Amino acid sequence: MADAHALATARFQWEEGLRRLEARAGDGLGPVRRRLLDACRDELRRRLGMTFPLTALVDEYEGAQTWFLALAQELAPGHPDAWDSAVVLDAAFAQFARQASDAGRAR
């Protein structure tokens, strides 16, 4: 289970992912990234359900690179430039974290 330091570090990385996503919005890969982002949120929902604490999301983040790469290759095989997990995966985790059962308390 994730501790307070791991949670803070993960949340920082996730928020940076959102910033990177916004910064790259005009590079022509926006639609591909949005498709990947939606698929990542769907995968997180499948893995964690609708009710989950932030610590469970942090724990899921540790192994997410593996399933993200497989998902990206499947959904966007011709766009490897859109597979940057520090952008899409982290942004998906940031968005999904807002739905955590304890999201309001973990600031």
PDB file of N, CA and C in Angstrom:
ATOM      1  N   MET A   1       0.839  -1.187   0.000  1.00  0.00           N
ATOM      2  CA  MET A   1       0.000   0.000   0.000  1.00  0.00           C
ATOM      3  C   MET A   1       0.883   1.248   0.000  1.00  0.00           C
ATOM      4  N   ALA A   2       0.483   2.230  -0.760  1.00  0.00           N
ATOM      5  CA  ALA A   2       1.252   3.459  -0.927  1.00  0.00           C
ATOM      6  C   ALA A   2       1.269   4.294   0.355  1.00  0.00           C
ATOM      7  N   ASP A   3       2.422   4.888   0.634  1.00  0.00           N
ATOM      8  CA  ASP A   3       2.517   5.781   1.784  1.00  0.00           C
ATOM      9  C   ASP A   3       2.305   7.227   1.325  1.00  0.00           C
ATOM     10  N   ALA A   4       2.368   8.164   2.248  1.00  0.00           N
ATOM     11  CA  ALA A   4       2.101   9.574   1.941  1.00  0.00           C
ATOM     12  C   ALA A   4       3.098  10.133   0.919  1.00  0.00           C
ATOM     13  N   HIS A   5       4.350   9.724   1.028  1.00  0.00           N
ATOM     14  CA  HIS A   5       5.368  10.206   0.087  1.00  0.00           C
ATOM     15  C   HIS A   5       5.085   9.685  -1.321  1.00  0.00           C
ATOM     16  N   ALA A   6       4.772   8.406  -1.438  1.00  0.00           N
ATOM     17  CA  ALA A   6       4.462   7.813  -2.748  1.00  0.00           C
ATOM     18  C   ALA A   6       3.232   8.477  -3.355  1.00  0.00           C
ATOM     19  N   LEU A   7       2.252   8.767  -2.527  1.00  0.00           N
ATOM     20  CA  LEU A   7       1.044   9.438  -3.005  1.00  0.00           C
ATOM     21  C   LEU A   7       1.366  10.841  -3.515  1.00  0.00           C
ATOM     22  N   ALA A   8       2.131  11.587  -2.765  1.00  0.00           N
ATOM     23  CA  ALA A   8       2.495  12.952  -3.182  1.00  0.00           C
ATOM     24  C   ALA A   8       3.304  12.935  -4.469  1.00  0.00           C
ATOM     25  N   THR A   9       4.238  12.017  -4.575  1.00  0.00           N
ATOM     26  CA  THR A   9       5.063  11.909  -5.781  1.00  0.00           C
ATOM     27  C   THR A   9       4.217  11.556  -6.995  1.00  0.00           C
ATOM     28  N   ALA A  10       3.338  10.575  -6.830  1.00  0.00           N
ATOM     29  CA  ALA A  10       2.475  10.159  -7.938  1.00  0.00           C
ATOM     30  C   ALA A  10       1.564  11.301  -8.371  1.00  0.00           C
ATOM     31  N   ARG A  11       0.960  11.980  -7.423  1.00  0.00           N
ATOM     32  CA  ARG A  11       0.057  13.078  -7.779  1.00  0.00           C
ATOM     33  C   ARG A  11       0.800  14.187  -8.516  1.00  0.00           C
ATOM     34  N   PHE A  12       2.024  14.456  -8.115  1.00  0.00           N
ATOM     35  CA  PHE A  12       2.824  15.449  -8.824  1.00  0.00           C
ATOM     36  C   PHE A  12       3.047  15.007 -10.271  1.00  0.00           C
ATOM     37  N   GLN A  13       3.436  13.749 -10.463  1.00  0.00           N
ATOM     38  CA  GLN A  13       3.669  13.235 -11.810  1.00  0.00           C
ATOM     39  C   GLN A  13       2.385  13.295 -12.642  1.00  0.00           C
ATOM     40  N   TRP A  14       1.267  12.944 -12.046  1.00  0.00           N
ATOM     41  CA  TRP A  14      -0.002  12.952 -12.778  1.00  0.00           C
ATOM     42  C   TRP A  14      -0.380  14.364 -13.215  1.00  0.00           C
ATOM     43  N   GLU A  15      -0.222  15.319 -12.318  1.00  0.00           N
ATOM     44  CA  GLU A  15      -0.554  16.707 -12.664  1.00  0.00           C
ATOM     45  C   GLU A  15       0.392  17.242 -13.739  1.00  0.00           C
ATOM     46  N   GLU A  16       1.651  16.830 -13.684  1.00  0.00           N
ATOM     47  CA  GLU A  16       2.595  17.198 -14.744  1.00  0.00           C
ATOM     48  C   GLU A  16       2.137  16.613 -16.080  1.00  0.00           C
ATOM     49  N   GLY A  17       1.590  15.419 -16.059  1.00  0.00           N
ATOM     50  CA  GLY A  17       1.054  14.803 -17.270  1.00  0.00           C
ATOM     51  C   GLY A  17      -0.049  15.643 -17.883  1.00  0.00           C
ATOM     52  N   LEU A  18      -0.927  16.174 -17.046  1.00  0.00           N
ATOM     53  CA  LEU A  18      -1.977  17.062 -17.552  1.00  0.00           C
ATOM     54  C   LEU A  18      -1.382  18.313 -18.189  1.00  0.00           C
ATOM     55  N   ARG A  19      -0.373  18.870 -17.543  1.00  0.00           N
ATOM     56  CA  ARG A  19       0.274  20.067 -18.103  1.00  0.00           C
ATOM     57  C   ARG A  19       0.932  19.751 -19.448  1.00  0.00           C
ATOM     58  N   ARG A  20       1.590  18.611 -19.523  1.00  0.00           N
ATOM     59  CA  ARG A  20       2.228  18.213 -20.790  1.00  0.00           C
ATOM     60  C   ARG A  20       1.191  17.984 -21.881  1.00  0.00           C
ATOM     61  N   LEU A  21       0.082  17.372 -21.509  1.00  0.00           N
ATOM     62  CA  LEU A  21      -0.993  17.127 -22.469  1.00  0.00           C
ATOM     63  C   LEU A  21      -1.503  18.447 -23.041  1.00  0.00           C
ATOM     64  N   GLU A  22      -1.745  19.408 -22.183  1.00  0.00           N
ATOM     65  CA  GLU A  22      -2.208  20.729 -22.629  1.00  0.00           C
ATOM     66  C   GLU A  22      -1.154  21.427 -23.479  1.00  0.00           C
ATOM     67  N   ALA A  23       0.108  21.300 -23.097  1.00  0.00           N
ATOM     68  CA  ALA A  23       1.184  21.961 -23.834  1.00  0.00           C
ATOM     69  C   ALA A  23       1.345  21.396 -25.248  1.00  0.00           C
ATOM     70  N   ARG A  24       0.978  20.152 -25.435  1.00  0.00           N
ATOM     71  CA  ARG A  24       1.138  19.515 -26.744  1.00  0.00           C
ATOM     72  C   ARG A  24      -0.162  19.475 -27.543  1.00  0.00           C
ATOM     73  N   ALA A  25      -1.151  20.173 -27.103  1.00  0.00           N
ATOM     74  CA  ALA A  25      -2.480  20.107 -27.728  1.00  0.00           C
ATOM     75  C   ALA A  25      -2.467  20.474 -29.204  1.00  0.00           C
ATOM     76  N   GLY A  26      -1.606  21.353 -29.622  1.00  0.00           N
ATOM     77  CA  GLY A  26      -1.609  21.810 -31.005  1.00  0.00           C
ATOM     78  C   GLY A  26      -0.646  21.090 -31.931  1.00  0.00           C
ATOM     79  N   ASP A  27      -0.109  19.956 -31.523  1.00  0.00           N
ATOM     80  CA  ASP A  27       0.906  19.291 -32.343  1.00  0.00           C
ATOM     81  C   ASP A  27       0.344  18.294 -33.357  1.00  0.00           C
ATOM     82  N   GLY A  28      -0.964  18.228 -33.506  1.00  0.00           N
ATOM     83  CA  GLY A  28      -1.577  17.340 -34.488  1.00  0.00           C
ATOM     84  C   GLY A  28      -1.903  15.948 -33.971  1.00  0.00           C
ATOM     85  N   LEU A  29      -1.429  15.603 -32.783  1.00  0.00           N
ATOM     86  CA  LEU A  29      -1.707  14.285 -32.220  1.00  0.00           C
ATOM     87  C   LEU A  29      -2.804  14.324 -31.159  1.00  0.00           C
ATOM     88  N   GLY A  30      -3.447  15.459 -31.019  1.00  0.00           N
ATOM     89  CA  GLY A  30      -4.484  15.614 -30.000  1.00  0.00           C
ATOM     90  C   GLY A  30      -5.589  14.563 -30.066  1.00  0.00           C
ATOM     91  N   PRO A  31      -6.166  14.310 -31.245  1.00  0.00           N
ATOM     92  CA  PRO A  31      -7.223  13.295 -31.317  1.00  0.00           C
ATOM     93  C   PRO A  31      -6.743  11.894 -30.929  1.00  0.00           C
ATOM     94  N   VAL A  32      -5.532  11.560 -31.300  1.00  0.00           N
ATOM     95  CA  VAL A  32      -4.985  10.243 -30.947  1.00  0.00           C
ATOM     96  C   VAL A  32      -4.772  10.165 -29.439  1.00  0.00           C
ATOM     97  N   ARG A  33      -4.208  11.216 -28.864  1.00  0.00           N
ATOM     98  CA  ARG A  33      -3.988  11.236 -27.421  1.00  0.00           C
ATOM     99  C   ARG A  33      -5.310  11.165 -26.659  1.00  0.00           C
ATOM    100  N   ARG A  34      -6.329  11.874 -27.138  1.00  0.00           N
ATOM    101  CA  ARG A  34      -7.640  11.824 -26.463  1.00  0.00           C
ATOM    102  C   ARG A  34      -8.213  10.412 -26.492  1.00  0.00           C
ATOM    103  N   ARG A  35      -8.050   9.718 -27.619  1.00  0.00           N
ATOM    104  CA  ARG A  35      -8.529   8.335 -27.723  1.00  0.00           C
ATOM    105  C   ARG A  35      -7.782   7.447 -26.721  1.00  0.00           C
ATOM    106  N   LEU A  36      -6.476   7.632 -26.627  1.00  0.00           N
ATOM    107  CA  LEU A  36      -5.690   6.864 -25.660  1.00  0.00           C
ATOM    108  C   LEU A  36      -6.054   7.225 -24.225  1.00  0.00           C
ATOM    109  N   LEU A  37      -6.265   8.502 -23.974  1.00  0.00           N
ATOM    110  CA  LEU A  37      -6.653   8.962 -22.647  1.00  0.00           C
ATOM    111  C   LEU A  37      -7.974   8.332 -22.220  1.00  0.00           C
ATOM    112  N   ASP A  38      -8.945   8.333 -23.095  1.00  0.00           N
ATOM    113  CA  ASP A  38     -10.240   7.710 -22.795  1.00  0.00           C
ATOM    114  C   ASP A  38     -10.075   6.218 -22.526  1.00  0.00           C
ATOM    115  N   ALA A  39      -9.258   5.561 -23.325  1.00  0.00           N
ATOM    116  CA  ALA A  39      -9.035   4.123 -23.142  1.00  0.00           C
ATOM    117  C   ALA A  39      -8.329   3.837 -21.812  1.00  0.00           C
ATOM    118  N   CYS A  40      -7.419   4.704 -21.417  1.00  0.00           N
ATOM    119  CA  CYS A  40      -6.738   4.536 -20.130  1.00  0.00           C
ATOM    120  C   CYS A  40      -7.720   4.682 -18.975  1.00  0.00           C
ATOM    121  N   ARG A  41      -8.574   5.677 -19.045  1.00  0.00           N
ATOM    122  CA  ARG A  41      -9.584   5.841 -17.982  1.00  0.00           C
ATOM    123  C   ARG A  41     -10.522   4.640 -17.931  1.00  0.00           C
ATOM    124  N   ASP A  42     -10.899   4.111 -19.092  1.00  0.00           N
ATOM    125  CA  ASP A  42     -11.742   2.910 -19.126  1.00  0.00           C
ATOM    126  C   ASP A  42     -11.024   1.726 -18.478  1.00  0.00           C
ATOM    127  N   GLU A  43      -9.738   1.599 -18.763  1.00  0.00           N
ATOM    128  CA  GLU A  43      -8.959   0.510 -18.177  1.00  0.00           C
ATOM    129  C   GLU A  43      -8.846   0.669 -16.666  1.00  0.00           C
ATOM    130  N   LEU A  44      -8.634   1.883 -16.208  1.00  0.00           N
ATOM    131  CA  LEU A  44      -8.575   2.129 -14.762  1.00  0.00           C
ATOM    132  C   LEU A  44      -9.912   1.806 -14.107  1.00  0.00           C
ATOM    133  N   ARG A  45     -10.989   2.174 -14.743  1.00  0.00           N
ATOM    134  CA  ARG A  45     -12.323   1.865 -14.211  1.00  0.00           C
ATOM    135  C   ARG A  45     -12.519   0.347 -14.128  1.00  0.00           C
ATOM    136  N   ARG A  46     -12.055  -0.361 -15.155  1.00  0.00           N
ATOM    137  CA  ARG A  46     -12.167  -1.818 -15.159  1.00  0.00           C
ATOM    138  C   ARG A  46     -11.325  -2.428 -14.029  1.00  0.00           C
ATOM    139  N   ARG A  47     -10.142  -1.892 -13.818  1.00  0.00           N
ATOM    140  CA  ARG A  47      -9.240  -2.450 -12.814  1.00  0.00           C
ATOM    141  C   ARG A  47      -9.606  -2.067 -11.385  1.00  0.00           C
ATOM    142  N   LEU A  48     -10.097  -0.839 -11.191  1.00  0.00           N
ATOM    143  CA  LEU A  48     -10.328  -0.340  -9.830  1.00  0.00           C
ATOM    144  C   LEU A  48     -11.801  -0.167  -9.468  1.00  0.00           C
ATOM    145  N   GLY A  49     -12.669  -0.163 -10.457  1.00  0.00           N
ATOM    146  CA  GLY A  49     -14.076   0.063 -10.175  1.00  0.00           C
ATOM    147  C   GLY A  49     -14.388   1.545 -10.039  1.00  0.00           C
ATOM    148  N   MET A  50     -15.570   1.823  -9.570  1.00  0.00           N
ATOM    149  CA  MET A  50     -16.015   3.214  -9.444  1.00  0.00           C
ATOM    150  C   MET A  50     -15.675   3.807  -8.076  1.00  0.00           C
ATOM    151  N   THR A  51     -15.450   2.972  -7.090  1.00  0.00           N
ATOM    152  CA  THR A  51     -15.129   3.445  -5.746  1.00  0.00           C
ATOM    153  C   THR A  51     -13.758   2.900  -5.369  1.00  0.00           C
ATOM    154  N   PHE A  52     -12.822   3.806  -5.137  1.00  0.00           N
ATOM    155  CA  PHE A  52     -11.444   3.400  -4.855  1.00  0.00           C
ATOM    156  C   PHE A  52     -10.752   4.522  -4.094  1.00  0.00           C
ATOM    157  N   PRO A  53      -9.810   4.200  -3.231  1.00  0.00           N
ATOM    158  CA  PRO A  53      -9.007   5.229  -2.565  1.00  0.00           C
ATOM    159  C   PRO A  53      -7.795   5.580  -3.429  1.00  0.00           C
ATOM    160  N   LEU A  54      -7.227   6.726  -3.184  1.00  0.00           N
ATOM    161  CA  LEU A  54      -6.044   7.157  -3.930  1.00  0.00           C
ATOM    162  C   LEU A  54      -4.881   6.180  -3.783  1.00  0.00           C
ATOM    163  N   THR A  55      -4.751   5.544  -2.631  1.00  0.00           N
ATOM    164  CA  THR A  55      -3.649   4.597  -2.448  1.00  0.00           C
ATOM    165  C   THR A  55      -3.765   3.426  -3.428  1.00  0.00           C
ATOM    166  N   ALA A  56      -4.979   2.999  -3.740  1.00  0.00           N
ATOM    167  CA  ALA A  56      -5.159   1.917  -4.723  1.00  0.00           C
ATOM    168  C   ALA A  56      -4.746   2.393  -6.113  1.00  0.00           C
ATOM    169  N   LEU A  57      -5.008   3.648  -6.412  1.00  0.00           N
ATOM    170  CA  LEU A  57      -4.614   4.201  -7.702  1.00  0.00           C
ATOM    171  C   LEU A  57      -3.090   4.299  -7.804  1.00  0.00           C
ATOM    172  N   VAL A  58      -2.452   4.689  -6.723  1.00  0.00           N
ATOM    173  CA  VAL A  58      -0.983   4.741  -6.704  1.00  0.00           C
ATOM    174  C   VAL A  58      -0.408   3.342  -6.903  1.00  0.00           C
ATOM    175  N   ASP A  59      -0.985   2.365  -6.237  1.00  0.00           N
ATOM    176  CA  ASP A  59      -0.519   0.987  -6.402  1.00  0.00           C
ATOM    177  C   ASP A  59      -0.680   0.524  -7.851  1.00  0.00           C
ATOM    178  N   GLU A  60      -1.788   0.890  -8.484  1.00  0.00           N
ATOM    179  CA  GLU A  60      -2.023   0.518  -9.884  1.00  0.00           C
ATOM    180  C   GLU A  60      -1.024   1.208 -10.809  1.00  0.00           C
ATOM    181  N   TYR A  61      -0.638   2.417 -10.475  1.00  0.00           N
ATOM    182  CA  TYR A  61       0.289   3.196 -11.288  1.00  0.00           C
ATOM    183  C   TYR A  61       1.638   2.489 -11.441  1.00  0.00           C
ATOM    184  N   GLU A  62       2.048   1.766 -10.412  1.00  0.00           N
ATOM    185  CA  GLU A  62       3.352   1.105 -10.441  1.00  0.00           C
ATOM    186  C   GLU A  62       3.486   0.113 -11.589  1.00  0.00           C
ATOM    187  N   GLY A  63       2.408  -0.526 -12.005  1.00  0.00           N
ATOM    188  CA  GLY A  63       2.486  -1.488 -13.095  1.00  0.00           C
ATOM    189  C   GLY A  63       1.806  -1.038 -14.371  1.00  0.00           C
ATOM    190  N   ALA A  64       1.417   0.205 -14.424  1.00  0.00           N
ATOM    191  CA  ALA A  64       0.609   0.700 -15.539  1.00  0.00           C
ATOM    192  C   ALA A  64       1.362   0.817 -16.856  1.00  0.00           C
ATOM    193  N   GLN A  65       2.657   0.987 -16.809  1.00  0.00           N
ATOM    194  CA  GLN A  65       3.432   1.122 -18.048  1.00  0.00           C
ATOM    195  C   GLN A  65       3.192  -0.061 -18.981  1.00  0.00           C
ATOM    196  N   THR A  66       3.117  -1.245 -18.410  1.00  0.00           N
ATOM    197  CA  THR A  66       2.971  -2.459 -19.217  1.00  0.00           C
ATOM    198  C   THR A  66       1.659  -2.466 -19.979  1.00  0.00           C
ATOM    199  N   TRP A  67       0.547  -2.262 -19.261  1.00  0.00           N
ATOM    200  CA  TRP A  67      -0.732  -2.301 -19.970  1.00  0.00           C
ATOM    201  C   TRP A  67      -0.931  -1.069 -20.844  1.00  0.00           C
ATOM    202  N   PHE A  68      -0.335   0.064 -20.463  1.00  0.00           N
ATOM    203  CA  PHE A  68      -0.471   1.255 -21.299  1.00  0.00           C
ATOM    204  C   PHE A  68       0.191   1.049 -22.658  1.00  0.00           C
ATOM    205  N   LEU A  69       1.380   0.505 -22.668  1.00  0.00           N
ATOM    206  CA  LEU A  69       2.084   0.305 -23.931  1.00  0.00           C
ATOM    207  C   LEU A  69       1.297  -0.642 -24.842  1.00  0.00           C
ATOM    208  N   ALA A  70       0.774  -1.709 -24.283  1.00  0.00           N
ATOM    209  CA  ALA A  70      -0.030  -2.644 -25.082  1.00  0.00           C
ATOM    210  C   ALA A  70      -1.274  -1.949 -25.634  1.00  0.00           C
ATOM    211  N   LEU A  71      -1.904  -1.144 -24.813  1.00  0.00           N
ATOM    212  CA  LEU A  71      -3.092  -0.401 -25.235  1.00  0.00           C
ATOM    213  C   LEU A  71      -2.751   0.601 -26.333  1.00  0.00           C
ATOM    214  N   ALA A  72      -1.672   1.327 -26.165  1.00  0.00           N
ATOM    215  CA  ALA A  72      -1.253   2.327 -27.152  1.00  0.00           C
ATOM    216  C   ALA A  72      -0.914   1.674 -28.488  1.00  0.00           C
ATOM    217  N   GLN A  73      -0.223   0.555 -28.445  1.00  0.00           N
ATOM    218  CA  GLN A  73       0.123  -0.149 -29.679  1.00  0.00           C
ATOM    219  C   GLN A  73      -1.125  -0.646 -30.398  1.00  0.00           C
ATOM    220  N   GLU A  74      -2.111  -1.054 -29.636  1.00  0.00           N
ATOM    221  CA  GLU A  74      -3.352  -1.552 -30.231  1.00  0.00           C
ATOM    222  C   GLU A  74      -4.197  -0.425 -30.821  1.00  0.00           C
ATOM    223  N   LEU A  75      -4.338   0.673 -30.084  1.00  0.00           N
ATOM    224  CA  LEU A  75      -5.229   1.756 -30.510  1.00  0.00           C
ATOM    225  C   LEU A  75      -4.600   2.759 -31.467  1.00  0.00           C
ATOM    226  N   ALA A  76      -3.301   2.909 -31.402  1.00  0.00           N
ATOM    227  CA  ALA A  76      -2.635   3.914 -32.242  1.00  0.00           C
ATOM    228  C   ALA A  76      -1.344   3.367 -32.823  1.00  0.00           C
ATOM    229  N   PRO A  77      -1.425   2.263 -33.555  1.00  0.00           N
ATOM    230  CA  PRO A  77      -0.191   1.638 -34.047  1.00  0.00           C
ATOM    231  C   PRO A  77       0.623   2.527 -34.987  1.00  0.00           C
ATOM    232  N   GLY A  78      -0.013   3.433 -35.685  1.00  0.00           N
ATOM    233  CA  GLY A  78       0.698   4.300 -36.611  1.00  0.00           C
ATOM    234  C   GLY A  78       1.139   5.620 -36.012  1.00  0.00           C
ATOM    235  N   HIS A  79       0.964   5.770 -34.697  1.00  0.00           N
ATOM    236  CA  HIS A  79       1.285   7.044 -34.047  1.00  0.00           C
ATOM    237  C   HIS A  79       2.117   6.839 -32.782  1.00  0.00           C
ATOM    238  N   PRO A  80       3.289   6.262 -32.883  1.00  0.00           N
ATOM    239  CA  PRO A  80       4.096   6.034 -31.674  1.00  0.00           C
ATOM    240  C   PRO A  80       4.494   7.327 -30.958  1.00  0.00           C
ATOM    241  N   ASP A  81       4.453   8.453 -31.649  1.00  0.00           N
ATOM    242  CA  ASP A  81       4.757   9.723 -30.990  1.00  0.00           C
ATOM    243  C   ASP A  81       3.711  10.079 -29.941  1.00  0.00           C
ATOM    244  N   ALA A  82       2.546   9.468 -30.021  1.00  0.00           N
ATOM    245  CA  ALA A  82       1.472   9.734 -29.056  1.00  0.00           C
ATOM    246  C   ALA A  82       1.534   8.790 -27.857  1.00  0.00           C
ATOM    247  N   TRP A  83       2.481   7.876 -27.831  1.00  0.00           N
ATOM    248  CA  TRP A  83       2.550   6.868 -26.778  1.00  0.00           C
ATOM    249  C   TRP A  83       3.306   7.324 -25.533  1.00  0.00           C
ATOM    250  N   ASP A  84       3.643   8.556 -25.423  1.00  0.00           N
ATOM    251  CA  ASP A  84       4.424   9.040 -24.283  1.00  0.00           C
ATOM    252  C   ASP A  84       3.610   8.893 -22.999  1.00  0.00           C
ATOM    253  N   SER A  85       3.995   7.945 -22.171  1.00  0.00           N
ATOM    254  CA  SER A  85       3.242   7.688 -20.944  1.00  0.00           C
ATOM    255  C   SER A  85       3.316   8.856 -19.967  1.00  0.00           C
ATOM    256  N   ALA A  86       4.378   9.653 -20.020  1.00  0.00           N
ATOM    257  CA  ALA A  86       4.488  10.821 -19.148  1.00  0.00           C
ATOM    258  C   ALA A  86       3.479  11.895 -19.527  1.00  0.00           C
ATOM    259  N   VAL A  87       2.851  11.729 -20.674  1.00  0.00           N
ATOM    260  CA  VAL A  87       1.791  12.651 -21.099  1.00  0.00           C
ATOM    261  C   VAL A  87       0.439  11.977 -20.914  1.00  0.00           C
ATOM    262  N   VAL A  88       0.167  10.979 -21.711  1.00  0.00           N
ATOM    263  CA  VAL A  88      -1.176  10.387 -21.764  1.00  0.00           C
ATOM    264  C   VAL A  88      -1.514   9.598 -20.509  1.00  0.00           C
ATOM    265  N   LEU A  89      -0.658   8.682 -20.117  1.00  0.00           N
ATOM    266  CA  LEU A  89      -0.947   7.846 -18.951  1.00  0.00           C
ATOM    267  C   LEU A  89      -1.047   8.691 -17.686  1.00  0.00           C
ATOM    268  N   ASP A  90      -0.089   9.583 -17.502  1.00  0.00           N
ATOM    269  CA  ASP A  90      -0.118  10.419 -16.306  1.00  0.00           C
ATOM    270  C   ASP A  90      -1.349  11.325 -16.280  1.00  0.00           C
ATOM    271  N   ALA A  91      -1.722  11.872 -17.427  1.00  0.00           N
ATOM    272  CA  ALA A  91      -2.932  12.707 -17.485  1.00  0.00           C
ATOM    273  C   ALA A  91      -4.177  11.886 -17.167  1.00  0.00           C
ATOM    274  N   ALA A  92      -4.235  10.662 -17.642  1.00  0.00           N
ATOM    275  CA  ALA A  92      -5.378   9.790 -17.353  1.00  0.00           C
ATOM    276  C   ALA A  92      -5.460   9.508 -15.857  1.00  0.00           C
ATOM    277  N   PHE A  93      -4.329   9.249 -15.230  1.00  0.00           N
ATOM    278  CA  PHE A  93      -4.327   9.018 -13.786  1.00  0.00           C
ATOM    279  C   PHE A  93      -4.755  10.284 -13.042  1.00  0.00           C
ATOM    280  N   ALA A  94      -4.301  11.454 -13.491  1.00  0.00           N
ATOM    281  CA  ALA A  94      -4.699  12.702 -12.843  1.00  0.00           C
ATOM    282  C   ALA A  94      -6.206  12.888 -12.913  1.00  0.00           C
ATOM    283  N   GLN A  95      -6.777  12.646 -14.067  1.00  0.00           N
ATOM    284  CA  GLN A  95      -8.226  12.791 -14.216  1.00  0.00           C
ATOM    285  C   GLN A  95      -8.969  11.758 -13.386  1.00  0.00           C
ATOM    286  N   PHE A  96      -8.495  10.533 -13.394  1.00  0.00           N
ATOM    287  CA  PHE A  96      -9.163   9.468 -12.657  1.00  0.00           C
ATOM    288  C   PHE A  96      -9.044   9.686 -11.151  1.00  0.00           C
ATOM    289  N   ALA A  97      -7.936  10.275 -10.696  1.00  0.00           N
ATOM    290  CA  ALA A  97      -7.725  10.532  -9.268  1.00  0.00           C
ATOM    291  C   ALA A  97      -8.801  11.440  -8.691  1.00  0.00           C
ATOM    292  N   ARG A  98      -9.353  12.284  -9.510  1.00  0.00           N
ATOM    293  CA  ARG A  98     -10.406  13.200  -9.036  1.00  0.00           C
ATOM    294  C   ARG A  98     -11.655  12.464  -8.590  1.00  0.00           C
ATOM    295  N   GLN A  99     -11.798  11.207  -9.015  1.00  0.00           N
ATOM    296  CA  GLN A  99     -12.965  10.404  -8.663  1.00  0.00           C
ATOM    297  C   GLN A  99     -12.727   9.526  -7.448  1.00  0.00           C
ATOM    298  N   ALA A 100     -11.524   9.557  -6.891  1.00  0.00           N
ATOM    299  CA  ALA A 100     -11.207   8.706  -5.747  1.00  0.00           C
ATOM    300  C   ALA A 100     -12.095   9.061  -4.553  1.00  0.00           C
ATOM    301  N   SER A 101     -12.398   8.060  -3.760  1.00  0.00           N
ATOM    302  CA  SER A 101     -13.274   8.262  -2.603  1.00  0.00           C
ATOM    303  C   SER A 101     -12.690   9.243  -1.596  1.00  0.00           C
ATOM    304  N   ASP A 102     -11.376   9.383  -1.574  1.00  0.00           N
ATOM    305  CA  ASP A 102     -10.733  10.296  -0.646  1.00  0.00           C
ATOM    306  C   ASP A 102     -10.004  11.450  -1.334  1.00  0.00           C
ATOM    307  N   ALA A 103     -10.384  11.749  -2.555  1.00  0.00           N
ATOM    308  CA  ALA A 103      -9.691  12.781  -3.332  1.00  0.00           C
ATOM    309  C   ALA A 103      -9.729  14.147  -2.667  1.00  0.00           C
ATOM    310  N   GLY A 104     -10.819  14.506  -2.047  1.00  0.00           N
ATOM    311  CA  GLY A 104     -10.934  15.810  -1.404  1.00  0.00           C
ATOM    312  C   GLY A 104     -10.094  15.957  -0.150  1.00  0.00           C
ATOM    313  N   ARG A 105      -9.789  14.851   0.488  1.00  0.00           N
ATOM    314  CA  ARG A 105      -9.024  14.885   1.748  1.00  0.00           C
ATOM    315  C   ARG A 105      -7.532  14.806   1.523  1.00  0.00           C
ATOM    316  N   ALA A 106      -7.095  14.361   0.356  1.00  0.00           N
ATOM    317  CA  ALA A 106      -5.670  14.086   0.120  1.00  0.00           C
ATOM    318  C   ALA A 106      -4.976  15.229  -0.601  1.00  0.00           C
ATOM    319  N   ARG A 107      -5.080  16.404  -0.144  1.00  0.00           N
ATOM    320  CA  ARG A 107      -4.443  17.553  -0.788  1.00  0.00           C
ATOM    321  C   ARG A 107      -3.206  17.959  -0.076  1.00  0.00           C
TER     322      ARG A 107
END
